N, C-alpha and C. Protein backbone atom coordinates (compact mmCIF):
# COMPACT_ATOMS: atom_id res chain seq x y z
N MET A 1 42.64 -31.36 -23.45
CA MET A 1 42.98 -30.21 -22.65
C MET A 1 42.47 -28.91 -23.28
N LEU A 2 42.54 -28.81 -24.58
CA LEU A 2 42.08 -27.62 -25.27
C LEU A 2 40.58 -27.41 -25.08
N LEU A 3 39.81 -28.52 -25.13
CA LEU A 3 38.36 -28.43 -24.93
C LEU A 3 38.05 -27.92 -23.52
N PHE A 4 38.78 -28.42 -22.50
CA PHE A 4 38.57 -27.99 -21.12
C PHE A 4 38.86 -26.49 -20.96
N GLU A 5 39.94 -26.00 -21.56
CA GLU A 5 40.29 -24.60 -21.49
C GLU A 5 39.23 -23.72 -22.16
N THR A 6 38.70 -24.17 -23.30
CA THR A 6 37.68 -23.42 -24.02
C THR A 6 36.41 -23.30 -23.16
N CYS A 7 36.00 -24.43 -22.53
CA CYS A 7 34.79 -24.41 -21.68
C CYS A 7 34.98 -23.48 -20.50
N ARG A 8 36.17 -23.53 -19.89
CA ARG A 8 36.42 -22.68 -18.73
C ARG A 8 36.39 -21.21 -19.14
N ARG A 9 36.95 -20.87 -20.30
CA ARG A 9 36.93 -19.50 -20.76
C ARG A 9 35.51 -19.04 -21.09
N SER A 10 34.72 -19.89 -21.75
CA SER A 10 33.36 -19.48 -22.11
C SER A 10 32.49 -19.33 -20.87
N THR A 11 32.71 -20.17 -19.86
CA THR A 11 31.98 -20.03 -18.61
C THR A 11 32.36 -18.72 -17.95
N GLY A 12 33.63 -18.37 -17.99
CA GLY A 12 34.08 -17.11 -17.44
C GLY A 12 33.47 -15.92 -18.16
N MET A 13 33.37 -16.00 -19.48
CA MET A 13 32.74 -14.93 -20.26
C MET A 13 31.26 -14.82 -19.92
N ARG A 14 30.61 -15.97 -19.74
CA ARG A 14 29.20 -15.97 -19.38
C ARG A 14 28.99 -15.27 -18.04
N ASP A 15 29.86 -15.56 -17.09
CA ASP A 15 29.78 -14.91 -15.78
C ASP A 15 29.99 -13.40 -15.89
N ILE A 16 30.93 -13.01 -16.73
CA ILE A 16 31.20 -11.59 -16.92
C ILE A 16 29.98 -10.91 -17.55
N ARG A 17 29.39 -11.55 -18.57
CA ARG A 17 28.20 -10.98 -19.21
C ARG A 17 27.05 -10.85 -18.22
N ARG A 18 26.85 -11.88 -17.40
CA ARG A 18 25.79 -11.82 -16.38
C ARG A 18 26.02 -10.66 -15.42
N THR A 19 27.26 -10.51 -14.99
CA THR A 19 27.60 -9.44 -14.06
C THR A 19 27.36 -8.08 -14.70
N VAL A 20 27.74 -7.92 -15.95
CA VAL A 20 27.53 -6.65 -16.66
C VAL A 20 26.03 -6.37 -16.77
N TRP A 21 25.23 -7.39 -17.12
CA TRP A 21 23.78 -7.19 -17.22
C TRP A 21 23.19 -6.81 -15.87
N ARG A 22 23.62 -7.48 -14.82
CA ARG A 22 23.12 -7.16 -13.48
C ARG A 22 23.47 -5.72 -13.09
N LEU A 23 24.70 -5.32 -13.36
CA LEU A 23 25.10 -3.95 -13.07
C LEU A 23 24.28 -2.94 -13.89
N ALA A 24 24.02 -3.28 -15.15
CA ALA A 24 23.22 -2.39 -16.00
C ALA A 24 21.80 -2.26 -15.45
N LEU A 25 21.21 -3.38 -15.03
CA LEU A 25 19.86 -3.34 -14.46
C LEU A 25 19.83 -2.53 -13.17
N CYS A 26 20.84 -2.72 -12.33
CA CYS A 26 20.91 -1.92 -11.09
C CYS A 26 21.04 -0.44 -11.40
N LEU A 27 21.85 -0.11 -12.39
CA LEU A 27 22.03 1.29 -12.78
C LEU A 27 20.71 1.87 -13.29
N LEU A 28 19.98 1.10 -14.10
CA LEU A 28 18.68 1.58 -14.60
C LEU A 28 17.70 1.80 -13.46
N ALA A 29 17.66 0.87 -12.51
CA ALA A 29 16.76 1.02 -11.36
C ALA A 29 17.15 2.26 -10.55
N TRP A 30 18.44 2.45 -10.34
CA TRP A 30 18.91 3.61 -9.58
C TRP A 30 18.55 4.91 -10.30
N LEU A 31 18.75 4.93 -11.64
CA LEU A 31 18.41 6.12 -12.41
C LEU A 31 16.91 6.40 -12.36
N ALA A 32 16.11 5.35 -12.40
CA ALA A 32 14.65 5.54 -12.32
C ALA A 32 14.27 6.15 -10.99
N LEU A 33 14.88 5.69 -9.92
CA LEU A 33 14.59 6.25 -8.60
C LEU A 33 15.06 7.70 -8.49
N GLN A 34 16.20 8.00 -9.10
CA GLN A 34 16.71 9.37 -9.06
C GLN A 34 15.80 10.29 -9.86
N GLY A 35 15.21 9.77 -10.94
CA GLY A 35 14.33 10.58 -11.78
C GLY A 35 13.00 10.85 -11.13
N SER A 36 12.62 10.05 -10.17
CA SER A 36 11.34 10.24 -9.49
C SER A 36 11.58 11.10 -8.26
N ALA A 37 11.14 12.33 -8.32
CA ALA A 37 11.38 13.26 -7.22
C ALA A 37 10.69 12.83 -5.95
N SER A 38 9.59 12.09 -6.08
CA SER A 38 8.81 11.73 -4.90
C SER A 38 9.19 10.37 -4.31
N ALA A 39 10.11 9.64 -4.94
CA ALA A 39 10.41 8.28 -4.50
C ALA A 39 10.84 8.21 -3.04
N GLY A 40 11.57 9.18 -2.52
CA GLY A 40 12.02 9.16 -1.14
C GLY A 40 11.11 9.92 -0.20
N ASP A 41 10.08 10.53 -0.73
CA ASP A 41 9.14 11.31 0.07
C ASP A 41 8.36 10.37 1.00
N PRO A 42 8.30 10.66 2.31
CA PRO A 42 7.61 9.78 3.26
C PRO A 42 6.15 9.52 2.89
N THR A 43 5.45 10.52 2.40
CA THR A 43 4.04 10.33 2.03
C THR A 43 3.92 9.39 0.85
N HIS A 44 4.83 9.50 -0.09
CA HIS A 44 4.86 8.60 -1.25
C HIS A 44 5.14 7.17 -0.80
N LEU A 45 6.08 7.00 0.13
CA LEU A 45 6.39 5.67 0.66
C LEU A 45 5.17 5.06 1.35
N GLN A 46 4.42 5.88 2.10
CA GLN A 46 3.21 5.40 2.76
C GLN A 46 2.20 4.91 1.73
N ALA A 47 2.02 5.65 0.66
CA ALA A 47 1.08 5.27 -0.39
C ALA A 47 1.52 3.98 -1.08
N GLU A 48 2.82 3.86 -1.35
CA GLU A 48 3.35 2.62 -1.96
C GLU A 48 3.10 1.43 -1.04
N PHE A 49 3.37 1.62 0.24
CA PHE A 49 3.15 0.56 1.22
C PHE A 49 1.68 0.16 1.25
N LEU A 50 0.80 1.14 1.27
CA LEU A 50 -0.63 0.88 1.31
C LEU A 50 -1.08 0.07 0.10
N SER A 51 -0.50 0.33 -1.05
CA SER A 51 -0.87 -0.43 -2.25
C SER A 51 -0.51 -1.91 -2.12
N LYS A 52 0.47 -2.21 -1.28
CA LYS A 52 0.87 -3.61 -1.05
C LYS A 52 0.03 -4.27 0.05
N VAL A 53 -0.35 -3.50 1.07
CA VAL A 53 -1.09 -4.04 2.22
C VAL A 53 -2.44 -4.61 1.81
N SER A 54 -3.05 -4.03 0.79
CA SER A 54 -4.38 -4.46 0.37
C SER A 54 -4.44 -5.94 0.02
N ALA A 55 -3.33 -6.50 -0.41
CA ALA A 55 -3.29 -7.92 -0.75
C ALA A 55 -3.43 -8.80 0.49
N PHE A 56 -3.29 -8.22 1.68
CA PHE A 56 -3.36 -8.97 2.92
C PHE A 56 -4.66 -8.72 3.68
N ILE A 57 -5.64 -8.15 2.98
CA ILE A 57 -6.94 -7.86 3.59
C ILE A 57 -8.00 -8.70 2.91
N THR A 58 -8.88 -9.30 3.71
CA THR A 58 -10.03 -10.02 3.16
C THR A 58 -11.28 -9.26 3.56
N TRP A 59 -12.05 -8.87 2.56
CA TRP A 59 -13.31 -8.17 2.80
C TRP A 59 -14.41 -9.21 3.04
N PRO A 60 -15.52 -8.80 3.65
CA PRO A 60 -16.62 -9.74 3.92
C PRO A 60 -17.12 -10.41 2.63
N GLU A 61 -17.57 -11.64 2.79
CA GLU A 61 -18.12 -12.38 1.66
C GLU A 61 -19.26 -11.57 1.05
N GLY A 62 -19.30 -11.54 -0.28
CA GLY A 62 -20.33 -10.80 -0.98
C GLY A 62 -19.96 -9.36 -1.29
N THR A 63 -18.81 -8.91 -0.79
CA THR A 63 -18.37 -7.53 -1.07
C THR A 63 -18.12 -7.34 -2.56
N PHE A 64 -17.51 -8.34 -3.17
CA PHE A 64 -17.19 -8.29 -4.59
C PHE A 64 -18.04 -9.33 -5.32
N SER A 65 -18.53 -8.98 -6.50
CA SER A 65 -19.36 -9.93 -7.24
C SER A 65 -18.53 -10.91 -8.07
N SER A 66 -17.27 -10.58 -8.35
CA SER A 66 -16.40 -11.51 -9.08
C SER A 66 -14.96 -11.32 -8.59
N PRO A 67 -14.11 -12.34 -8.83
CA PRO A 67 -12.72 -12.28 -8.33
C PRO A 67 -11.87 -11.15 -8.92
N ASP A 68 -12.31 -10.59 -10.03
CA ASP A 68 -11.51 -9.52 -10.64
C ASP A 68 -12.17 -8.14 -10.52
N ASP A 69 -13.19 -8.02 -9.65
CA ASP A 69 -13.78 -6.70 -9.37
C ASP A 69 -12.72 -5.79 -8.76
N ALA A 70 -12.81 -4.52 -9.06
CA ALA A 70 -11.85 -3.55 -8.56
C ALA A 70 -12.04 -3.28 -7.07
N ILE A 71 -10.93 -2.96 -6.42
CA ILE A 71 -10.97 -2.44 -5.05
C ILE A 71 -11.14 -0.94 -5.21
N VAL A 72 -12.28 -0.44 -4.77
CA VAL A 72 -12.57 0.98 -4.93
C VAL A 72 -12.00 1.73 -3.74
N VAL A 73 -11.12 2.67 -4.04
CA VAL A 73 -10.44 3.46 -3.01
C VAL A 73 -10.98 4.88 -3.06
N GLY A 74 -11.56 5.33 -1.96
CA GLY A 74 -12.12 6.66 -1.89
C GLY A 74 -11.13 7.67 -1.34
N VAL A 75 -10.99 8.76 -2.05
CA VAL A 75 -10.15 9.87 -1.60
C VAL A 75 -11.00 11.13 -1.62
N VAL A 76 -10.78 12.00 -0.65
CA VAL A 76 -11.54 13.25 -0.59
C VAL A 76 -10.87 14.27 -1.49
N ALA A 77 -11.68 14.93 -2.30
CA ALA A 77 -11.17 15.94 -3.24
C ALA A 77 -10.32 16.97 -2.50
N GLY A 78 -9.13 17.22 -3.03
CA GLY A 78 -8.26 18.25 -2.47
C GLY A 78 -7.34 17.78 -1.36
N ASP A 79 -7.48 16.53 -0.89
CA ASP A 79 -6.60 16.05 0.18
C ASP A 79 -5.26 15.62 -0.41
N GLU A 80 -4.17 16.12 0.17
CA GLU A 80 -2.83 15.85 -0.37
C GLU A 80 -2.49 14.35 -0.34
N PHE A 81 -2.68 13.69 0.81
CA PHE A 81 -2.35 12.27 0.90
C PHE A 81 -3.23 11.45 -0.06
N GLY A 82 -4.51 11.78 -0.13
CA GLY A 82 -5.40 11.09 -1.06
C GLY A 82 -4.96 11.23 -2.50
N GLY A 83 -4.48 12.41 -2.86
CA GLY A 83 -3.98 12.64 -4.21
C GLY A 83 -2.76 11.79 -4.52
N ILE A 84 -1.88 11.67 -3.55
CA ILE A 84 -0.68 10.85 -3.75
C ILE A 84 -1.07 9.38 -3.86
N VAL A 85 -2.01 8.94 -3.03
CA VAL A 85 -2.50 7.56 -3.10
C VAL A 85 -3.08 7.30 -4.50
N ALA A 86 -3.88 8.22 -5.00
CA ALA A 86 -4.47 8.06 -6.33
C ALA A 86 -3.38 7.90 -7.40
N ASP A 87 -2.33 8.69 -7.32
CA ASP A 87 -1.23 8.60 -8.29
C ASP A 87 -0.50 7.27 -8.17
N VAL A 88 -0.20 6.85 -6.96
CA VAL A 88 0.56 5.62 -6.73
C VAL A 88 -0.24 4.38 -7.13
N PHE A 89 -1.53 4.38 -6.86
CA PHE A 89 -2.36 3.21 -7.13
C PHE A 89 -2.68 3.03 -8.62
N ALA A 90 -2.50 4.05 -9.42
CA ALA A 90 -2.83 3.99 -10.85
C ALA A 90 -2.13 2.81 -11.52
N GLY A 91 -2.91 1.93 -12.11
CA GLY A 91 -2.38 0.78 -12.85
C GLY A 91 -1.95 -0.39 -11.99
N LYS A 92 -2.06 -0.31 -10.67
CA LYS A 92 -1.64 -1.41 -9.80
C LYS A 92 -2.80 -2.33 -9.46
N LYS A 93 -2.45 -3.50 -8.95
CA LYS A 93 -3.45 -4.50 -8.55
C LYS A 93 -3.07 -5.09 -7.21
N ALA A 94 -4.07 -5.64 -6.52
CA ALA A 94 -3.86 -6.41 -5.30
C ALA A 94 -4.61 -7.72 -5.49
N ARG A 95 -3.89 -8.81 -5.47
CA ARG A 95 -4.48 -10.13 -5.70
C ARG A 95 -5.37 -10.15 -6.94
N LYS A 96 -4.85 -9.71 -8.03
CA LYS A 96 -5.51 -9.67 -9.34
C LYS A 96 -6.66 -8.67 -9.43
N ARG A 97 -6.92 -7.94 -8.36
CA ARG A 97 -7.97 -6.92 -8.38
C ARG A 97 -7.33 -5.57 -8.68
N PRO A 98 -7.78 -4.89 -9.73
CA PRO A 98 -7.25 -3.55 -9.99
C PRO A 98 -7.80 -2.56 -8.96
N TYR A 99 -7.12 -1.47 -8.82
CA TYR A 99 -7.61 -0.38 -7.97
C TYR A 99 -8.41 0.58 -8.84
N LYS A 100 -9.47 1.10 -8.27
CA LYS A 100 -10.25 2.15 -8.92
C LYS A 100 -10.37 3.28 -7.91
N ILE A 101 -9.93 4.45 -8.30
CA ILE A 101 -9.99 5.61 -7.40
C ILE A 101 -11.31 6.34 -7.61
N LYS A 102 -11.96 6.65 -6.51
CA LYS A 102 -13.21 7.41 -6.55
C LYS A 102 -13.02 8.66 -5.69
N VAL A 103 -13.17 9.81 -6.32
CA VAL A 103 -13.03 11.07 -5.60
C VAL A 103 -14.37 11.39 -4.93
N LEU A 104 -14.31 11.59 -3.62
CA LEU A 104 -15.52 11.83 -2.84
C LEU A 104 -15.57 13.27 -2.35
N ALA A 105 -16.77 13.72 -2.10
CA ALA A 105 -16.95 15.09 -1.58
C ALA A 105 -16.55 15.17 -0.12
N GLY A 106 -16.72 14.08 0.62
CA GLY A 106 -16.40 14.09 2.05
C GLY A 106 -16.51 12.73 2.68
N ILE A 107 -16.27 12.68 3.96
CA ILE A 107 -16.24 11.44 4.73
C ILE A 107 -17.61 10.74 4.74
N GLU A 108 -18.68 11.50 4.52
CA GLU A 108 -20.03 10.94 4.54
C GLU A 108 -20.23 9.89 3.45
N GLN A 109 -19.42 9.92 2.40
CA GLN A 109 -19.55 8.98 1.29
C GLN A 109 -18.64 7.76 1.43
N ALA A 110 -17.99 7.59 2.56
CA ALA A 110 -17.03 6.50 2.75
C ALA A 110 -17.65 5.12 2.55
N GLY A 111 -18.93 4.97 2.82
CA GLY A 111 -19.61 3.69 2.66
C GLY A 111 -19.71 3.22 1.21
N GLU A 112 -19.37 4.09 0.27
CA GLU A 112 -19.45 3.76 -1.16
C GLU A 112 -18.18 3.08 -1.69
N VAL A 113 -17.17 2.90 -0.84
CA VAL A 113 -15.88 2.37 -1.29
C VAL A 113 -15.42 1.22 -0.39
N HIS A 114 -14.36 0.53 -0.81
CA HIS A 114 -13.80 -0.57 -0.02
C HIS A 114 -12.71 -0.08 0.93
N MET A 115 -12.00 0.95 0.50
CA MET A 115 -10.93 1.53 1.30
C MET A 115 -11.11 3.05 1.24
N PHE A 116 -11.03 3.68 2.40
CA PHE A 116 -11.23 5.12 2.44
C PHE A 116 -10.01 5.79 3.03
N ILE A 117 -9.44 6.73 2.29
CA ILE A 117 -8.29 7.50 2.75
C ILE A 117 -8.83 8.71 3.50
N VAL A 118 -8.66 8.69 4.81
CA VAL A 118 -9.17 9.76 5.67
C VAL A 118 -8.37 11.03 5.39
N PRO A 119 -9.06 12.15 5.24
CA PRO A 119 -8.34 13.41 4.99
C PRO A 119 -7.31 13.67 6.09
N SER A 120 -6.12 14.07 5.67
CA SER A 120 -5.04 14.29 6.64
C SER A 120 -5.26 15.53 7.50
N SER A 121 -6.16 16.39 7.06
CA SER A 121 -6.47 17.56 7.89
C SER A 121 -7.72 17.25 8.70
N GLY A 122 -7.82 17.89 9.82
CA GLY A 122 -9.02 17.69 10.65
C GLY A 122 -8.74 16.80 11.84
N ASP A 123 -9.76 16.55 12.60
CA ASP A 123 -9.69 15.78 13.84
C ASP A 123 -9.79 14.29 13.51
N LEU A 124 -8.67 13.56 13.61
CA LEU A 124 -8.65 12.15 13.25
C LEU A 124 -9.52 11.30 14.17
N ALA A 125 -9.59 11.64 15.45
CA ALA A 125 -10.45 10.91 16.38
C ALA A 125 -11.91 11.07 15.98
N LYS A 126 -12.27 12.27 15.56
CA LYS A 126 -13.65 12.53 15.11
C LYS A 126 -13.94 11.72 13.84
N HIS A 127 -12.97 11.67 12.92
CA HIS A 127 -13.13 10.88 11.69
C HIS A 127 -13.27 9.39 12.03
N ALA A 128 -12.44 8.89 12.94
CA ALA A 128 -12.52 7.47 13.33
C ALA A 128 -13.89 7.16 13.92
N ASN A 129 -14.40 8.04 14.73
CA ASN A 129 -15.72 7.85 15.34
C ASN A 129 -16.82 7.86 14.26
N ALA A 130 -16.70 8.75 13.28
CA ALA A 130 -17.69 8.83 12.21
C ALA A 130 -17.70 7.57 11.35
N LEU A 131 -16.55 6.87 11.30
CA LEU A 131 -16.43 5.67 10.45
C LEU A 131 -16.58 4.37 11.22
N LYS A 132 -16.88 4.43 12.52
CA LYS A 132 -16.86 3.23 13.36
C LYS A 132 -17.82 2.13 12.92
N ASP A 133 -18.90 2.48 12.23
CA ASP A 133 -19.87 1.48 11.78
C ASP A 133 -19.91 1.32 10.27
N VAL A 134 -18.92 1.88 9.58
CA VAL A 134 -18.87 1.80 8.12
C VAL A 134 -17.91 0.67 7.75
N ALA A 135 -18.40 -0.33 7.03
CA ALA A 135 -17.59 -1.49 6.66
C ALA A 135 -16.61 -1.13 5.54
N VAL A 136 -15.58 -0.41 5.92
CA VAL A 136 -14.57 0.06 4.98
C VAL A 136 -13.22 0.04 5.69
N VAL A 137 -12.16 -0.23 4.93
CA VAL A 137 -10.82 -0.14 5.50
C VAL A 137 -10.48 1.35 5.50
N SER A 138 -10.58 1.95 6.67
CA SER A 138 -10.27 3.38 6.80
C SER A 138 -8.79 3.53 7.11
N VAL A 139 -8.15 4.47 6.41
CA VAL A 139 -6.70 4.64 6.51
C VAL A 139 -6.37 6.11 6.72
N ALA A 140 -5.44 6.37 7.64
CA ALA A 140 -4.97 7.75 7.84
C ALA A 140 -3.46 7.73 8.09
N PRO A 141 -2.78 8.81 7.71
CA PRO A 141 -1.32 8.87 7.88
C PRO A 141 -0.91 9.35 9.27
N SER A 142 -1.48 8.74 10.32
CA SER A 142 -1.11 9.09 11.69
C SER A 142 -1.54 7.98 12.65
N PHE A 143 -0.66 7.61 13.58
CA PHE A 143 -0.99 6.57 14.55
C PHE A 143 -2.17 6.95 15.43
N GLU A 144 -2.40 8.25 15.59
CA GLU A 144 -3.53 8.73 16.37
C GLU A 144 -4.84 8.10 15.87
N PHE A 145 -4.92 7.84 14.58
CA PHE A 145 -6.14 7.33 13.97
C PHE A 145 -6.47 5.91 14.44
N ALA A 146 -5.49 5.02 14.45
CA ALA A 146 -5.74 3.64 14.90
C ALA A 146 -6.07 3.61 16.38
N LYS A 147 -5.39 4.42 17.17
CA LYS A 147 -5.67 4.50 18.60
C LYS A 147 -7.10 4.94 18.86
N ALA A 148 -7.62 5.81 17.99
CA ALA A 148 -8.97 6.35 18.15
C ALA A 148 -10.05 5.42 17.59
N GLY A 149 -9.64 4.31 16.97
CA GLY A 149 -10.63 3.36 16.46
C GLY A 149 -10.65 3.20 14.96
N GLY A 150 -9.78 3.93 14.23
CA GLY A 150 -9.67 3.74 12.78
C GLY A 150 -9.02 2.40 12.49
N VAL A 151 -9.19 1.88 11.31
CA VAL A 151 -8.71 0.53 10.98
C VAL A 151 -7.19 0.49 10.78
N LEU A 152 -6.63 1.40 10.01
CA LEU A 152 -5.21 1.31 9.64
C LEU A 152 -4.57 2.70 9.69
N ALA A 153 -3.41 2.77 10.33
CA ALA A 153 -2.67 4.04 10.43
C ALA A 153 -1.24 3.82 9.96
N LEU A 154 -0.73 4.78 9.21
CA LEU A 154 0.63 4.70 8.66
C LEU A 154 1.42 5.91 9.11
N GLU A 155 2.71 5.69 9.39
CA GLU A 155 3.61 6.81 9.68
C GLU A 155 4.99 6.48 9.14
N PRO A 156 5.71 7.50 8.66
CA PRO A 156 7.08 7.25 8.21
C PRO A 156 7.97 6.94 9.41
N PHE A 157 8.93 6.04 9.19
CA PHE A 157 9.87 5.66 10.25
C PHE A 157 11.18 5.26 9.61
N GLU A 158 12.21 6.07 9.80
CA GLU A 158 13.56 5.79 9.30
C GLU A 158 13.56 5.36 7.82
N GLU A 159 13.00 6.19 6.96
CA GLU A 159 12.93 5.95 5.53
C GLU A 159 12.13 4.70 5.16
N LYS A 160 11.29 4.25 6.08
CA LYS A 160 10.39 3.12 5.85
C LYS A 160 9.01 3.55 6.32
N VAL A 161 8.10 2.60 6.38
CA VAL A 161 6.75 2.89 6.85
C VAL A 161 6.44 2.00 8.04
N ALA A 162 6.01 2.62 9.12
CA ALA A 162 5.52 1.87 10.28
C ALA A 162 3.99 1.95 10.21
N PHE A 163 3.33 0.92 10.72
CA PHE A 163 1.88 0.95 10.65
C PHE A 163 1.26 0.27 11.86
N GLU A 164 0.06 0.72 12.18
CA GLU A 164 -0.72 0.15 13.26
C GLU A 164 -2.06 -0.30 12.70
N ILE A 165 -2.55 -1.41 13.22
CA ILE A 165 -3.84 -1.95 12.80
C ILE A 165 -4.74 -2.04 14.02
N ASN A 166 -5.93 -1.51 13.90
CA ASN A 166 -6.91 -1.70 14.96
C ASN A 166 -7.73 -2.91 14.55
N ASN A 167 -7.25 -4.08 14.96
CA ASN A 167 -7.87 -5.34 14.55
C ASN A 167 -9.24 -5.53 15.20
N LYS A 168 -9.46 -4.94 16.36
CA LYS A 168 -10.78 -5.02 17.00
C LYS A 168 -11.82 -4.34 16.11
N THR A 169 -11.48 -3.16 15.61
CA THR A 169 -12.40 -2.46 14.71
C THR A 169 -12.58 -3.25 13.42
N ALA A 170 -11.48 -3.74 12.86
CA ALA A 170 -11.55 -4.50 11.61
C ALA A 170 -12.45 -5.73 11.77
N MET A 171 -12.25 -6.47 12.84
CA MET A 171 -13.06 -7.68 13.06
C MET A 171 -14.54 -7.33 13.24
N ARG A 172 -14.81 -6.26 13.95
CA ARG A 172 -16.20 -5.83 14.16
C ARG A 172 -16.86 -5.49 12.82
N LEU A 173 -16.07 -5.01 11.86
CA LEU A 173 -16.58 -4.65 10.54
C LEU A 173 -16.47 -5.81 9.54
N ASN A 174 -16.11 -7.00 10.04
CA ASN A 174 -15.94 -8.21 9.21
C ASN A 174 -14.82 -8.06 8.17
N LEU A 175 -13.80 -7.31 8.51
CA LEU A 175 -12.61 -7.17 7.68
C LEU A 175 -11.52 -8.01 8.33
N LYS A 176 -10.80 -8.77 7.53
CA LYS A 176 -9.79 -9.65 8.11
C LYS A 176 -8.41 -9.35 7.52
N PHE A 177 -7.46 -9.08 8.43
CA PHE A 177 -6.07 -8.90 8.02
C PHE A 177 -5.35 -10.23 8.15
N SER A 178 -4.49 -10.53 7.20
CA SER A 178 -3.69 -11.74 7.23
C SER A 178 -2.81 -11.76 8.48
N SER A 179 -2.60 -12.94 9.02
CA SER A 179 -1.73 -13.05 10.20
C SER A 179 -0.32 -12.57 9.89
N ARG A 180 0.10 -12.70 8.63
CA ARG A 180 1.44 -12.25 8.25
C ARG A 180 1.59 -10.74 8.41
N ILE A 181 0.56 -9.99 8.04
CA ILE A 181 0.64 -8.53 8.15
C ILE A 181 0.46 -8.10 9.61
N LEU A 182 -0.35 -8.83 10.36
CA LEU A 182 -0.52 -8.52 11.77
C LEU A 182 0.78 -8.69 12.55
N GLN A 183 1.58 -9.69 12.14
CA GLN A 183 2.85 -9.96 12.84
C GLN A 183 3.88 -8.85 12.66
N ILE A 184 3.81 -8.14 11.55
CA ILE A 184 4.84 -7.11 11.31
C ILE A 184 4.35 -5.70 11.62
N ALA A 185 3.09 -5.58 12.04
CA ALA A 185 2.57 -4.26 12.41
C ALA A 185 3.28 -3.76 13.66
N SER A 186 3.47 -2.45 13.74
CA SER A 186 4.10 -1.84 14.93
C SER A 186 3.25 -2.11 16.17
N THR A 187 1.94 -1.94 16.01
CA THR A 187 1.00 -2.19 17.11
C THR A 187 -0.28 -2.75 16.51
N VAL A 188 -0.87 -3.70 17.22
CA VAL A 188 -2.18 -4.23 16.86
C VAL A 188 -3.07 -4.04 18.06
N TYR A 189 -4.17 -3.31 17.86
CA TYR A 189 -5.12 -3.06 18.95
C TYR A 189 -6.21 -4.11 18.89
C-alpha cells in the first residue's frame, strides 16, 4: 500500500510540474508578443502569413538549381509593406529554402526575383497588367490586385489574414499553388 501511495503522489507531482512548465511557456510567449509592438499590426500579420504561404507554391521546373536555393523576394525601395516583409522574412525558410530579400528600384525589375511585393502605393490594376507575363508570384496587400490579374492578394480580416489567389494567372505563368492553400483562400479566380 505504501508503494502505491508513493507512486500516486509522484505522478501527481509530475503533473503539477508539467502544468507549471506549460504555464511558464505560455507566459513567455505572451510576454514576447506584448514586447513586439508590431505583432498585432495587420500589415505585420499579412507579412507573417505570406512567409508561410510560400511553402505551398511550386515554381516551374528549372527555376532553382538546387533544393536549398533561396527564394528571392523583391521589394521596392521605400515601400512600407515591402519593408515589413523584409523584416519578417529575415532568417525564415519555406520548405528548407531560405528567403533572400532583394531591394529593387521599381516594378521593371520584378523578373529578377521569385516573389515580388507590389508597391502598396499606385494603381494596382496597372501593376497587375505590367506583371501579367512575368513568371513571378506577384503579391499586393489589396484584393483589387488579384481581381485585376495579380497572382496573390492579402487583406486583414478580423485580426487574421484573408487572401485571394488568381489561379488562372498563376497557371499561365507555370506557378502552382497547393490544393490545400486553394481550399482556404477567400476567392480563387
